[in-house]
């Protein structure tokens, strides 16, 4: 049985803060759709359900952005503009994390899988 670790994350200004409980994160997802290409984020491959995702502060700082088919709720901090996570609209509460928002996390060690989101639109 794999033990979960606690990963703490935030936006740049610290207004949005969260924790995820996850097995050690060793890989990431990079999507090539127009929004992901522009923000250049490395995303968690996993979606984290409650209680594995806890938002500690900043619900009032989050701005929702939807586009295209509306399958994903993209959340941004209103103050600093950082995109910490998004939610699958088909399964509310499941969050995929921008791994660049995790404290002390080395993105260079991750195995990155390309996801062809551009082809889906």
PDB file of N, CA and C in Angstrom:
ATOM      1  N   UNK A   1       0.835  -1.180   0.000  1.00  0.00           N
ATOM      2  CA  UNK A   1       0.000   0.000   0.000  1.00  0.00           C
ATOM      3  C   UNK A   1       0.886   1.251   0.000  1.00  0.00           C
ATOM      4  N   UNK A   2       0.588   2.181  -0.897  1.00  0.00           N
ATOM      5  CA  UNK A   2       1.364   3.402  -1.031  1.00  0.00           C
ATOM      6  C   UNK A   2       0.899   4.433  -0.014  1.00  0.00           C
ATOM      7  N   UNK A   3       1.863   5.016   0.675  1.00  0.00           N
ATOM      8  CA  UNK A   3       1.535   6.039   1.665  1.00  0.00           C
ATOM      9  C   UNK A   3       1.389   7.384   0.983  1.00  0.00           C
ATOM     10  N   UNK A   4       0.350   8.117   1.350  1.00  0.00           N
ATOM     11  CA  UNK A   4       0.146   9.454   0.817  1.00  0.00           C
ATOM     12  C   UNK A   4       1.044  10.456   1.518  1.00  0.00           C
ATOM     13  N   UNK A   5       1.510  11.429   0.748  1.00  0.00           N
ATOM     14  CA  UNK A   5       2.303  12.544   1.259  1.00  0.00           C
ATOM     15  C   UNK A   5       1.432  13.788   1.229  1.00  0.00           C
ATOM     16  N   UNK A   6       1.767  14.767   2.045  1.00  0.00           N
ATOM     17  CA  UNK A   6       1.085  16.061   2.017  1.00  0.00           C
ATOM     18  C   UNK A   6       1.905  17.023   1.182  1.00  0.00           C
ATOM     19  N   UNK A   7       1.262  17.611   0.187  1.00  0.00           N
ATOM     20  CA  UNK A   7       1.880  18.638  -0.642  1.00  0.00           C
ATOM     21  C   UNK A   7       1.114  19.931  -0.396  1.00  0.00           C
ATOM     22  N   UNK A   8       1.845  20.996  -0.099  1.00  0.00           N
ATOM     23  CA  UNK A   8       1.225  22.294   0.160  1.00  0.00           C
ATOM     24  C   UNK A   8       1.461  23.188  -1.048  1.00  0.00           C
ATOM     25  N   UNK A   9       0.423  23.932  -1.422  1.00  0.00           N
ATOM     26  CA  UNK A   9       0.539  24.797  -2.577  1.00  0.00           C
ATOM     27  C   UNK A   9      -0.151  26.121  -2.365  1.00  0.00           C
ATOM     28  N   UNK A  10       0.186  27.061  -3.243  1.00  0.00           N
ATOM     29  CA  UNK A  10      -0.441  28.378  -3.182  1.00  0.00           C
ATOM     30  C   UNK A  10      -0.252  29.085  -4.519  1.00  0.00           C
ATOM     31  N   UNK A  11      -0.989  30.168  -4.663  1.00  0.00           N
ATOM     32  CA  UNK A  11      -0.748  31.068  -5.780  1.00  0.00           C
ATOM     33  C   UNK A  11       0.489  31.897  -5.438  1.00  0.00           C
ATOM     34  N   UNK A  12       0.889  32.825  -6.291  1.00  0.00           N
ATOM     35  CA  UNK A  12       2.103  33.605  -6.066  1.00  0.00           C
ATOM     36  C   UNK A  12       1.997  34.536  -4.867  1.00  0.00           C
ATOM     37  N   UNK A  13       0.846  35.187  -4.689  1.00  0.00           N
ATOM     38  CA  UNK A  13       0.695  36.153  -3.591  1.00  0.00           C
ATOM     39  C   UNK A  13       0.332  35.486  -2.268  1.00  0.00           C
ATOM     40  N   UNK A  14      -0.003  34.200  -2.286  1.00  0.00           N
ATOM     41  CA  UNK A  14      -0.368  33.475  -1.077  1.00  0.00           C
ATOM     42  C   UNK A  14      -1.824  33.612  -0.686  1.00  0.00           C
ATOM     43  N   UNK A  15      -2.595  34.328  -1.469  1.00  0.00           N
ATOM     44  CA  UNK A  15      -4.015  34.505  -1.167  1.00  0.00           C
ATOM     45  C   UNK A  15      -4.824  33.223  -1.284  1.00  0.00           C
ATOM     46  N   UNK A  16      -4.391  32.317  -2.164  1.00  0.00           N
ATOM     47  CA  UNK A  16      -5.022  31.007  -2.327  1.00  0.00           C
ATOM     48  C   UNK A  16      -4.033  29.972  -1.821  1.00  0.00           C
ATOM     49  N   UNK A  17      -4.437  29.164  -0.851  1.00  0.00           N
ATOM     50  CA  UNK A  17      -3.562  28.137  -0.280  1.00  0.00           C
ATOM     51  C   UNK A  17      -4.333  26.828  -0.175  1.00  0.00           C
ATOM     52  N   UNK A  18      -3.656  25.735  -0.498  1.00  0.00           N
ATOM     53  CA  UNK A  18      -4.305  24.424  -0.508  1.00  0.00           C
ATOM     54  C   UNK A  18      -3.303  23.340  -0.151  1.00  0.00           C
ATOM     55  N   UNK A  19      -3.832  22.158   0.148  1.00  0.00           N
ATOM     56  CA  UNK A  19      -3.034  20.966   0.400  1.00  0.00           C
ATOM     57  C   UNK A  19      -3.640  19.817  -0.378  1.00  0.00           C
ATOM     58  N   UNK A  20      -2.773  18.968  -0.921  1.00  0.00           N
ATOM     59  CA  UNK A  20      -3.246  17.714  -1.505  1.00  0.00           C
ATOM     60  C   UNK A  20      -2.566  16.564  -0.779  1.00  0.00           C
ATOM     61  N   UNK A  21      -3.278  15.470  -0.679  1.00  0.00           N
ATOM     62  CA  UNK A  21      -2.750  14.212  -0.159  1.00  0.00           C
ATOM     63  C   UNK A  21      -2.603  13.304  -1.368  1.00  0.00           C
ATOM     64  N   UNK A  22      -1.382  12.811  -1.599  1.00  0.00           N
ATOM     65  CA  UNK A  22      -1.116  12.043  -2.810  1.00  0.00           C
ATOM     66  C   UNK A  22       0.056  11.109  -2.603  1.00  0.00           C
ATOM     67  N   UNK A  23       0.054   9.986  -3.322  1.00  0.00           N
ATOM     68  CA  UNK A  23       1.304   9.229  -3.391  1.00  0.00           C
ATOM     69  C   UNK A  23       2.373  10.145  -3.999  1.00  0.00           C
ATOM     70  N   UNK A  24       3.639   9.802  -3.830  1.00  0.00           N
ATOM     71  CA  UNK A  24       4.730  10.625  -4.370  1.00  0.00           C
ATOM     72  C   UNK A  24       4.444  10.937  -5.844  1.00  0.00           C
ATOM     73  N   UNK A  25       4.529  12.215  -6.191  1.00  0.00           N
ATOM     74  CA  UNK A  25       4.262  12.649  -7.565  1.00  0.00           C
ATOM     75  C   UNK A  25       5.557  12.552  -8.362  1.00  0.00           C
ATOM     76  N   UNK A  26       5.541  11.713  -9.405  1.00  0.00           N
ATOM     77  CA  UNK A  26       6.738  11.500 -10.221  1.00  0.00           C
ATOM     78  C   UNK A  26       6.513  11.853 -11.687  1.00  0.00           C
ATOM     79  N   UNK A  27       5.273  12.147 -12.051  1.00  0.00           N
ATOM     80  CA  UNK A  27       4.996  12.461 -13.445  1.00  0.00           C
ATOM     81  C   UNK A  27       3.994  13.601 -13.542  1.00  0.00           C
ATOM     82  N   UNK A  28       3.894  14.152 -14.735  1.00  0.00           N
ATOM     83  CA  UNK A  28       3.050  15.320 -14.963  1.00  0.00           C
ATOM     84  C   UNK A  28       2.434  15.233 -16.353  1.00  0.00           C
ATOM     85  N   UNK A  29       1.493  16.107 -16.573  1.00  0.00           N
ATOM     86  CA  UNK A  29       0.786  16.187 -17.846  1.00  0.00           C
ATOM     87  C   UNK A  29       0.976  17.585 -18.411  1.00  0.00           C
ATOM     88  N   UNK A  30       1.307  17.672 -19.684  1.00  0.00           N
ATOM     89  CA  UNK A  30       1.371  18.961 -20.379  1.00  0.00           C
ATOM     90  C   UNK A  30       0.406  18.873 -21.558  1.00  0.00           C
ATOM     91  N   UNK A  31      -0.552  19.789 -21.560  1.00  0.00           N
ATOM     92  CA  UNK A  31      -1.580  19.824 -22.600  1.00  0.00           C
ATOM     93  C   UNK A  31      -1.202  20.897 -23.625  1.00  0.00           C
ATOM     94  N   UNK A  32      -1.559  20.660 -24.896  1.00  0.00           N
ATOM     95  CA  UNK A  32      -1.235  21.615 -25.949  1.00  0.00           C
ATOM     96  C   UNK A  32      -2.446  22.403 -26.455  1.00  0.00           C
ATOM     97  N   UNK A  33      -3.546  22.397 -25.700  1.00  0.00           N
ATOM     98  CA  UNK A  33      -4.687  23.217 -26.118  1.00  0.00           C
ATOM     99  C   UNK A  33      -4.288  24.691 -25.983  1.00  0.00           C
ATOM    100  N   UNK A  34      -5.082  25.594 -26.516  1.00  0.00           N
ATOM    101  CA  UNK A  34      -4.678  26.999 -26.572  1.00  0.00           C
ATOM    102  C   UNK A  34      -4.460  27.626 -25.190  1.00  0.00           C
ATOM    103  N   UNK A  35      -5.280  27.298 -24.209  1.00  0.00           N
ATOM    104  CA  UNK A  35      -5.084  27.895 -22.869  1.00  0.00           C
ATOM    105  C   UNK A  35      -3.882  27.275 -22.154  1.00  0.00           C
ATOM    106  N   UNK A  36      -3.737  25.965 -22.224  1.00  0.00           N
ATOM    107  CA  UNK A  36      -2.612  25.309 -21.542  1.00  0.00           C
ATOM    108  C   UNK A  36      -1.278  25.691 -22.185  1.00  0.00           C
ATOM    109  N   UNK A  37      -1.256  25.794 -23.508  1.00  0.00           N
ATOM    110  CA  UNK A  37      -0.032  26.189 -24.199  1.00  0.00           C
ATOM    111  C   UNK A  37       0.405  27.583 -23.744  1.00  0.00           C
ATOM    112  N   UNK A  38      -0.551  28.487 -23.569  1.00  0.00           N
ATOM    113  CA  UNK A  38      -0.224  29.856 -23.170  1.00  0.00           C
ATOM    114  C   UNK A  38       0.220  29.956 -21.707  1.00  0.00           C
ATOM    115  N   UNK A  39      -0.364  29.150 -20.838  1.00  0.00           N
ATOM    116  CA  UNK A  39       0.037  29.257 -19.426  1.00  0.00           C
ATOM    117  C   UNK A  39       1.213  28.355 -19.093  1.00  0.00           C
ATOM    118  N   UNK A  40       1.529  27.384 -19.978  1.00  0.00           N
ATOM    119  CA  UNK A  40       2.717  26.541 -19.862  1.00  0.00           C
ATOM    120  C   UNK A  40       2.816  25.822 -18.522  1.00  0.00           C
ATOM    121  N   UNK A  41       1.706  25.364 -18.002  1.00  0.00           N
ATOM    122  CA  UNK A  41       1.694  24.689 -16.699  1.00  0.00           C
ATOM    123  C   UNK A  41       1.934  23.193 -16.851  1.00  0.00           C
ATOM    124  N   UNK A  42       2.616  22.626 -15.876  1.00  0.00           N
ATOM    125  CA  UNK A  42       2.706  21.177 -15.740  1.00  0.00           C
ATOM    126  C   UNK A  42       1.642  20.772 -14.732  1.00  0.00           C
ATOM    127  N   UNK A  43       0.719  19.935 -15.169  1.00  0.00           N
ATOM    128  CA  UNK A  43      -0.425  19.556 -14.347  1.00  0.00           C
ATOM    129  C   UNK A  43      -0.246  18.165 -13.761  1.00  0.00           C
ATOM    130  N   UNK A  44      -0.897  17.947 -12.628  1.00  0.00           N
ATOM    131  CA  UNK A  44      -0.931  16.599 -12.057  1.00  0.00           C
ATOM    132  C   UNK A  44      -1.679  15.704 -13.043  1.00  0.00           C
ATOM    133  N   UNK A  45      -1.219  14.477 -13.167  1.00  0.00           N
ATOM    134  CA  UNK A  45      -1.952  13.520 -14.004  1.00  0.00           C
ATOM    135  C   UNK A  45      -3.250  13.125 -13.308  1.00  0.00           C
ATOM    136  N   UNK A  46      -3.190  13.069 -12.001  1.00  0.00           N
ATOM    137  CA  UNK A  46      -4.356  12.656 -11.214  1.00  0.00           C
ATOM    138  C   UNK A  46      -5.271  13.838 -10.950  1.00  0.00           C
ATOM    139  N   UNK A  47      -6.555  13.540 -10.872  1.00  0.00           N
ATOM    140  CA  UNK A  47      -7.529  14.472 -10.305  1.00  0.00           C
ATOM    141  C   UNK A  47      -7.666  14.086  -8.834  1.00  0.00           C
ATOM    142  N   UNK A  48      -7.687  15.075  -7.946  1.00  0.00           N
ATOM    143  CA  UNK A  48      -7.759  14.819  -6.509  1.00  0.00           C
ATOM    144  C   UNK A  48      -9.158  15.104  -5.999  1.00  0.00           C
ATOM    145  N   UNK A  49      -9.810  14.073  -5.430  1.00  0.00           N
ATOM    146  CA  UNK A  49     -11.150  14.264  -4.869  1.00  0.00           C
ATOM    147  C   UNK A  49     -11.065  14.776  -3.440  1.00  0.00           C
ATOM    148  N   UNK A  50     -12.161  15.393  -2.959  1.00  0.00           N
ATOM    149  CA  UNK A  50     -12.200  15.646  -1.520  1.00  0.00           C
ATOM    150  C   UNK A  50     -12.197  14.284  -0.830  1.00  0.00           C
ATOM    151  N   UNK A  51     -11.556  14.075   0.253  1.00  0.00           N
ATOM    152  CA  UNK A  51     -10.782  15.006   1.073  1.00  0.00           C
ATOM    153  C   UNK A  51      -9.297  15.061   0.719  1.00  0.00           C
ATOM    154  N   UNK A  52      -8.872  14.531  -0.440  1.00  0.00           N
ATOM    155  CA  UNK A  52      -7.451  14.596  -0.829  1.00  0.00           C
ATOM    156  C   UNK A  52      -7.035  16.000  -1.258  1.00  0.00           C
ATOM    157  N   UNK A  53      -8.002  16.853  -1.557  1.00  0.00           N
ATOM    158  CA  UNK A  53      -7.738  18.256  -1.887  1.00  0.00           C
ATOM    159  C   UNK A  53      -8.454  19.116  -0.865  1.00  0.00           C
ATOM    160  N   UNK A  54      -7.702  19.963  -0.177  1.00  0.00           N
ATOM    161  CA  UNK A  54      -8.314  20.888   0.778  1.00  0.00           C
ATOM    162  C   UNK A  54      -7.877  22.307   0.432  1.00  0.00           C
ATOM    163  N   UNK A  55      -8.854  23.176   0.220  1.00  0.00           N
ATOM    164  CA  UNK A  55      -8.588  24.594   0.017  1.00  0.00           C
ATOM    165  C   UNK A  55      -8.619  25.247   1.389  1.00  0.00           C
ATOM    166  N   UNK A  56      -7.494  25.785   1.826  1.00  0.00           N
ATOM    167  CA  UNK A  56      -7.387  26.356   3.166  1.00  0.00           C
ATOM    168  C   UNK A  56      -7.783  27.818   3.211  1.00  0.00           C
ATOM    169  N   UNK A  57      -7.482  28.541   2.173  1.00  0.00           N
ATOM    170  CA  UNK A  57      -7.848  29.960   2.143  1.00  0.00           C
ATOM    171  C   UNK A  57      -7.922  30.431   0.701  1.00  0.00           C
ATOM    172  N   UNK A  58      -8.699  31.472   0.492  1.00  0.00           N
ATOM    173  CA  UNK A  58      -8.732  32.134  -0.793  1.00  0.00           C
ATOM    174  C   UNK A  58      -9.899  31.825  -1.694  1.00  0.00           C
ATOM    175  N   UNK A  59     -10.904  31.124  -1.185  1.00  0.00           N
ATOM    176  CA  UNK A  59     -12.068  30.853  -2.040  1.00  0.00           C
ATOM    177  C   UNK A  59     -12.599  32.156  -2.651  1.00  0.00           C
ATOM    178  N   UNK A  60     -12.594  33.223  -1.863  1.00  0.00           N
ATOM    179  CA  UNK A  60     -13.073  34.520  -2.340  1.00  0.00           C
ATOM    180  C   UNK A  60     -12.093  35.194  -3.297  1.00  0.00           C
ATOM    181  N   UNK A  61     -10.854  34.694  -3.392  1.00  0.00           N
ATOM    182  CA  UNK A  61      -9.853  35.242  -4.315  1.00  0.00           C
ATOM    183  C   UNK A  61      -9.866  34.548  -5.676  1.00  0.00           C
ATOM    184  N   UNK A  62     -10.627  33.447  -5.788  1.00  0.00           N
ATOM    185  CA  UNK A  62     -10.625  32.672  -7.029  1.00  0.00           C
ATOM    186  C   UNK A  62     -11.578  33.261  -8.061  1.00  0.00           C
ATOM    187  N   UNK A  63     -11.099  33.333  -9.284  1.00  0.00           N
ATOM    188  CA  UNK A  63     -11.905  33.745 -10.430  1.00  0.00           C
ATOM    189  C   UNK A  63     -12.045  32.534 -11.342  1.00  0.00           C
ATOM    190  N   UNK A  64     -13.240  32.257 -11.789  1.00  0.00           N
ATOM    191  CA  UNK A  64     -13.517  31.129 -12.681  1.00  0.00           C
ATOM    192  C   UNK A  64     -13.396  31.574 -14.128  1.00  0.00           C
ATOM    193  N   UNK A  65     -12.748  30.745 -14.936  1.00  0.00           N
ATOM    194  CA  UNK A  65     -12.679  30.970 -16.381  1.00  0.00           C
ATOM    195  C   UNK A  65     -13.069  29.686 -17.086  1.00  0.00           C
ATOM    196  N   UNK A  66     -14.033  29.771 -17.996  1.00  0.00           N
ATOM    197  CA  UNK A  66     -14.436  28.637 -18.823  1.00  0.00           C
ATOM    198  C   UNK A  66     -14.338  29.056 -20.276  1.00  0.00           C
ATOM    199  N   UNK A  67     -14.022  28.105 -21.108  1.00  0.00           N
ATOM    200  CA  UNK A  67     -13.989  28.379 -22.532  1.00  0.00           C
ATOM    201  C   UNK A  67     -14.274  27.091 -23.289  1.00  0.00           C
ATOM    202  N   UNK A  68     -14.400  27.203 -24.593  1.00  0.00           N
ATOM    203  CA  UNK A  68     -14.618  26.022 -25.437  1.00  0.00           C
ATOM    204  C   UNK A  68     -15.863  25.261 -25.024  1.00  0.00           C
ATOM    205  N   UNK A  69     -15.691  23.979 -24.787  1.00  0.00           N
ATOM    206  CA  UNK A  69     -16.830  23.117 -24.464  1.00  0.00           C
ATOM    207  C   UNK A  69     -17.241  23.189 -23.000  1.00  0.00           C
ATOM    208  N   UNK A  70     -16.528  23.964 -22.176  1.00  0.00           N
ATOM    209  CA  UNK A  70     -16.898  24.137 -20.764  1.00  0.00           C
ATOM    210  C   UNK A  70     -16.660  22.917 -19.900  1.00  0.00           C
ATOM    211  N   UNK A  71     -15.827  21.983 -20.359  1.00  0.00           N
ATOM    212  CA  UNK A  71     -15.568  20.757 -19.597  1.00  0.00           C
ATOM    213  C   UNK A  71     -14.736  20.975 -18.344  1.00  0.00           C
ATOM    214  N   UNK A  72     -14.049  22.124 -18.271  1.00  0.00           N
ATOM    215  CA  UNK A  72     -13.135  22.364 -17.163  1.00  0.00           C
ATOM    216  C   UNK A  72     -13.387  23.748 -16.578  1.00  0.00           C
ATOM    217  N   UNK A  73     -13.446  23.812 -15.246  1.00  0.00           N
ATOM    218  CA  UNK A  73     -13.483  25.091 -14.532  1.00  0.00           C
ATOM    219  C   UNK A  73     -12.050  25.459 -14.191  1.00  0.00           C
ATOM    220  N   UNK A  74     -11.507  26.466 -14.885  1.00  0.00           N
ATOM    221  CA  UNK A  74     -10.143  26.940 -14.640  1.00  0.00           C
ATOM    222  C   UNK A  74     -10.222  28.019 -13.572  1.00  0.00           C
ATOM    223  N   UNK A  75      -9.459  27.887 -12.497  1.00  0.00           N
ATOM    224  CA  UNK A  75      -9.473  28.864 -11.412  1.00  0.00           C
ATOM    225  C   UNK A  75      -8.162  29.657 -11.383  1.00  0.00           C
ATOM    226  N   UNK A  76      -8.294  30.970 -11.233  1.00  0.00           N
ATOM    227  CA  UNK A  76      -7.166  31.891 -11.171  1.00  0.00           C
ATOM    228  C   UNK A  76      -7.317  32.760  -9.934  1.00  0.00           C
ATOM    229  N   UNK A  77      -6.192  33.168  -9.355  1.00  0.00           N
ATOM    230  CA  UNK A  77      -6.224  34.122  -8.255  1.00  0.00           C
ATOM    231  C   UNK A  77      -6.498  35.509  -8.840  1.00  0.00           C
ATOM    232  N   UNK A  78      -7.501  36.204  -8.310  1.00  0.00           N
ATOM    233  CA  UNK A  78      -7.855  37.545  -8.790  1.00  0.00           C
ATOM    234  C   UNK A  78      -6.746  38.553  -8.532  1.00  0.00           C
ATOM    235  N   UNK A  79      -5.954  38.321  -7.505  1.00  0.00           N
ATOM    236  CA  UNK A  79      -4.923  39.282  -7.128  1.00  0.00           C
ATOM    237  C   UNK A  79      -3.647  39.127  -7.969  1.00  0.00           C
ATOM    238  N   UNK A  80      -3.102  37.909  -8.061  1.00  0.00           N
ATOM    239  CA  UNK A  80      -1.820  37.732  -8.749  1.00  0.00           C
ATOM    240  C   UNK A  80      -1.943  37.066 -10.118  1.00  0.00           C
ATOM    241  N   UNK A  81      -3.098  36.506 -10.439  1.00  0.00           N
ATOM    242  CA  UNK A  81      -3.318  35.917 -11.757  1.00  0.00           C
ATOM    243  C   UNK A  81      -2.835  34.492 -11.931  1.00  0.00           C
ATOM    244  N   UNK A  82      -2.300  33.878 -10.896  1.00  0.00           N
ATOM    245  CA  UNK A  82      -1.771  32.518 -11.007  1.00  0.00           C
ATOM    246  C   UNK A  82      -2.917  31.503 -11.036  1.00  0.00           C
ATOM    247  N   UNK A  83      -2.705  30.477 -11.839  1.00  0.00           N
ATOM    248  CA  UNK A  83      -3.660  29.380 -12.031  1.00  0.00           C
ATOM    249  C   UNK A  83      -3.212  28.184 -11.184  1.00  0.00           C
ATOM    250  N   UNK A  84      -3.808  27.962 -10.006  1.00  0.00           N
ATOM    251  CA  UNK A  84      -3.336  26.883  -9.139  1.00  0.00           C
ATOM    252  C   UNK A  84      -3.963  25.514  -9.422  1.00  0.00           C
ATOM    253  N   UNK A  85      -5.179  25.484  -9.963  1.00  0.00           N
ATOM    254  CA  UNK A  85      -5.856  24.204 -10.183  1.00  0.00           C
ATOM    255  C   UNK A  85      -7.072  24.401 -11.077  1.00  0.00           C
ATOM    256  N   UNK A  86      -7.604  23.263 -11.555  1.00  0.00           N
ATOM    257  CA  UNK A  86      -8.881  23.295 -12.256  1.00  0.00           C
ATOM    258  C   UNK A  86      -9.722  22.090 -11.840  1.00  0.00           C
ATOM    259  N   UNK A  87     -10.990  22.175 -12.188  1.00  0.00           N
ATOM    260  CA  UNK A  87     -11.974  21.176 -11.768  1.00  0.00           C
ATOM    261  C   UNK A  87     -12.684  20.621 -12.993  1.00  0.00           C
ATOM    262  N   UNK A  88     -12.917  19.320 -12.996  1.00  0.00           N
ATOM    263  CA  UNK A  88     -13.690  18.683 -14.067  1.00  0.00           C
ATOM    264  C   UNK A  88     -15.176  18.969 -13.846  1.00  0.00           C
ATOM    265  N   UNK A  89     -15.835  19.579 -14.825  1.00  0.00           N
ATOM    266  CA  UNK A  89     -17.248  19.909 -14.647  1.00  0.00           C
ATOM    267  C   UNK A  89     -18.130  18.663 -14.628  1.00  0.00           C
ATOM    268  N   UNK A  90     -17.699  17.583 -15.292  1.00  0.00           N
ATOM    269  CA  UNK A  90     -18.486  16.343 -15.292  1.00  0.00           C
ATOM    270  C   UNK A  90     -18.454  15.654 -13.935  1.00  0.00           C
ATOM    271  N   UNK A  91     -17.409  15.945 -13.152  1.00  0.00           N
ATOM    272  CA  UNK A  91     -17.244  15.334 -11.829  1.00  0.00           C
ATOM    273  C   UNK A  91     -16.866  16.431 -10.841  1.00  0.00           C
ATOM    274  N   UNK A  92     -17.830  17.242 -10.421  1.00  0.00           N
ATOM    275  CA  UNK A  92     -17.520  18.363  -9.524  1.00  0.00           C
ATOM    276  C   UNK A  92     -16.748  17.920  -8.285  1.00  0.00           C
ATOM    277  N   UNK A  93     -15.775  18.752  -7.916  1.00  0.00           N
ATOM    278  CA  UNK A  93     -14.965  18.473  -6.736  1.00  0.00           C
ATOM    279  C   UNK A  93     -13.648  17.791  -7.046  1.00  0.00           C
ATOM    280  N   UNK A  94     -13.478  17.268  -8.267  1.00  0.00           N
ATOM    281  CA  UNK A  94     -12.213  16.638  -8.642  1.00  0.00           C
ATOM    282  C   UNK A  94     -11.270  17.713  -9.183  1.00  0.00           C
ATOM    283  N   UNK A  95     -10.129  17.885  -8.525  1.00  0.00           N
ATOM    284  CA  UNK A  95      -9.202  18.954  -8.864  1.00  0.00           C
ATOM    285  C   UNK A  95      -7.906  18.407  -9.456  1.00  0.00           C
ATOM    286  N   UNK A  96      -7.473  19.014 -10.547  1.00  0.00           N
ATOM    287  CA  UNK A  96      -6.150  18.743 -11.121  1.00  0.00           C
ATOM    288  C   UNK A  96      -5.282  19.942 -10.757  1.00  0.00           C
ATOM    289  N   UNK A  97      -4.060  19.697 -10.301  1.00  0.00           N
ATOM    290  CA  UNK A  97      -3.203  20.708  -9.690  1.00  0.00           C
ATOM    291  C   UNK A  97      -2.116  21.189 -10.654  1.00  0.00           C
ATOM    292  N   UNK A  98      -1.863  22.498 -10.655  1.00  0.00           N
ATOM    293  CA  UNK A  98      -0.690  23.072 -11.325  1.00  0.00           C
ATOM    294  C   UNK A  98       0.497  22.775 -10.420  1.00  0.00           C
ATOM    295  N   UNK A  99       1.342  21.844 -10.830  1.00  0.00           N
ATOM    296  CA  UNK A  99       2.432  21.382  -9.963  1.00  0.00           C
ATOM    297  C   UNK A  99       3.454  22.478  -9.681  1.00  0.00           C
ATOM    298  N   UNK A 100       3.501  23.507 -10.492  1.00  0.00           N
ATOM    299  CA  UNK A 100       4.377  24.640 -10.232  1.00  0.00           C
ATOM    300  C   UNK A 100       3.960  25.448  -9.016  1.00  0.00           C
ATOM    301  N   UNK A 101       2.751  25.227  -8.515  1.00  0.00           N
ATOM    302  CA  UNK A 101       2.257  25.932  -7.327  1.00  0.00           C
ATOM    303  C   UNK A 101       2.584  25.201  -6.035  1.00  0.00           C
ATOM    304  N   UNK A 102       3.168  24.001  -6.117  1.00  0.00           N
ATOM    305  CA  UNK A 102       3.504  23.250  -4.905  1.00  0.00           C
ATOM    306  C   UNK A 102       4.816  23.749  -4.317  1.00  0.00           C
ATOM    307  N   UNK A 103       4.827  23.947  -3.018  1.00  0.00           N
ATOM    308  CA  UNK A 103       5.995  24.476  -2.305  1.00  0.00           C
ATOM    309  C   UNK A 103       7.140  23.465  -2.306  1.00  0.00           C
ATOM    310  N   UNK A 104       8.330  23.924  -2.684  1.00  0.00           N
ATOM    311  CA  UNK A 104       9.519  23.086  -2.621  1.00  0.00           C
ATOM    312  C   UNK A 104       9.505  21.901  -3.562  1.00  0.00           C
ATOM    313  N   UNK A 105       8.717  21.944  -4.601  1.00  0.00           N
ATOM    314  CA  UNK A 105       8.562  20.813  -5.512  1.00  0.00           C
ATOM    315  C   UNK A 105       9.456  21.020  -6.734  1.00  0.00           C
ATOM    316  N   UNK A 106      10.265  20.023  -7.080  1.00  0.00           N
ATOM    317  CA  UNK A 106      11.201  20.124  -8.203  1.00  0.00           C
ATOM    318  C   UNK A 106      10.550  19.599  -9.479  1.00  0.00           C
ATOM    319  N   UNK A 107      10.132  20.516 -10.342  1.00  0.00           N
ATOM    320  CA  UNK A 107       9.472  20.142 -11.599  1.00  0.00           C
ATOM    321  C   UNK A 107      10.414  19.427 -12.563  1.00  0.00           C
ATOM    322  N   UNK A 108      11.711  19.665 -12.424  1.00  0.00           N
ATOM    323  CA  UNK A 108      12.694  19.095 -13.350  1.00  0.00           C
ATOM    324  C   UNK A 108      12.826  17.581 -13.213  1.00  0.00           C
ATOM    325  N   UNK A 109      12.346  17.012 -12.124  1.00  0.00           N
ATOM    326  CA  UNK A 109      12.480  15.576 -11.899  1.00  0.00           C
ATOM    327  C   UNK A 109      11.313  14.778 -12.480  1.00  0.00           C
ATOM    328  N   UNK A 110      10.306  15.455 -13.007  1.00  0.00           N
ATOM    329  CA  UNK A 110       9.087  14.781 -13.447  1.00  0.00           C
ATOM    330  C   UNK A 110       9.193  14.196 -14.851  1.00  0.00           C
ATOM    331  N   UNK A 111       8.562  13.056 -15.036  1.00  0.00           N
ATOM    332  CA  UNK A 111       8.370  12.503 -16.368  1.00  0.00           C
ATOM    333  C   UNK A 111       7.098  13.162 -16.920  1.00  0.00           C
ATOM    334  N   UNK A 112       7.211  13.838 -18.054  1.00  0.00           N
ATOM    335  CA  UNK A 112       6.095  14.622 -18.595  1.00  0.00           C
ATOM    336  C   UNK A 112       5.457  13.893 -19.774  1.00  0.00           C
ATOM    337  N   UNK A 113       4.132  13.738 -19.697  1.00  0.00           N
ATOM    338  CA  UNK A 113       3.347  13.148 -20.772  1.00  0.00           C
ATOM    339  C   UNK A 113       2.611  14.269 -21.504  1.00  0.00           C
ATOM    340  N   UNK A 114       2.692  14.255 -22.832  1.00  0.00           N
ATOM    341  CA  UNK A 114       1.985  15.226 -23.647  1.00  0.00           C
ATOM    342  C   UNK A 114       0.557  14.764 -23.843  1.00  0.00           C
ATOM    343  N   UNK A 115      -0.398  15.682 -23.659  1.00  0.00           N
ATOM    344  CA  UNK A 115      -1.807  15.397 -23.899  1.00  0.00           C
ATOM    345  C   UNK A 115      -2.254  16.286 -25.058  1.00  0.00           C
ATOM    346  N   UNK A 116      -2.821  15.699 -26.096  1.00  0.00           N
ATOM    347  CA  UNK A 116      -3.229  16.449 -27.281  1.00  0.00           C
ATOM    348  C   UNK A 116      -4.622  17.031 -27.118  1.00  0.00           C
ATOM    349  N   UNK A 117      -4.720  18.050 -26.261  1.00  0.00           N
ATOM    350  CA  UNK A 117      -5.994  18.732 -26.041  1.00  0.00           C
ATOM    351  C   UNK A 117      -6.418  19.582 -27.221  1.00  0.00           C
ATOM    352  N   UNK A 118      -5.465  20.022 -28.040  1.00  0.00           N
ATOM    353  CA  UNK A 118      -5.775  20.833 -29.216  1.00  0.00           C
ATOM    354  C   UNK A 118      -6.613  20.040 -30.204  1.00  0.00           C
ATOM    355  N   UNK A 119      -6.366  18.747 -30.287  1.00  0.00           N
ATOM    356  CA  UNK A 119      -7.092  17.894 -31.231  1.00  0.00           C
ATOM    357  C   UNK A 119      -8.545  17.666 -30.802  1.00  0.00           C
ATOM    358  N   UNK A 120      -8.818  17.827 -29.509  1.00  0.00           N
ATOM    359  CA  UNK A 120     -10.171  17.577 -28.984  1.00  0.00           C
ATOM    360  C   UNK A 120     -11.140  18.706 -29.292  1.00  0.00           C
ATOM    361  N   UNK A 121     -10.631  19.892 -29.590  1.00  0.00           N
ATOM    362  CA  UNK A 121     -11.511  21.050 -29.805  1.00  0.00           C
ATOM    363  C   UNK A 121     -11.963  21.186 -31.221  1.00  0.00           C
TER     364      UNK A 121
END
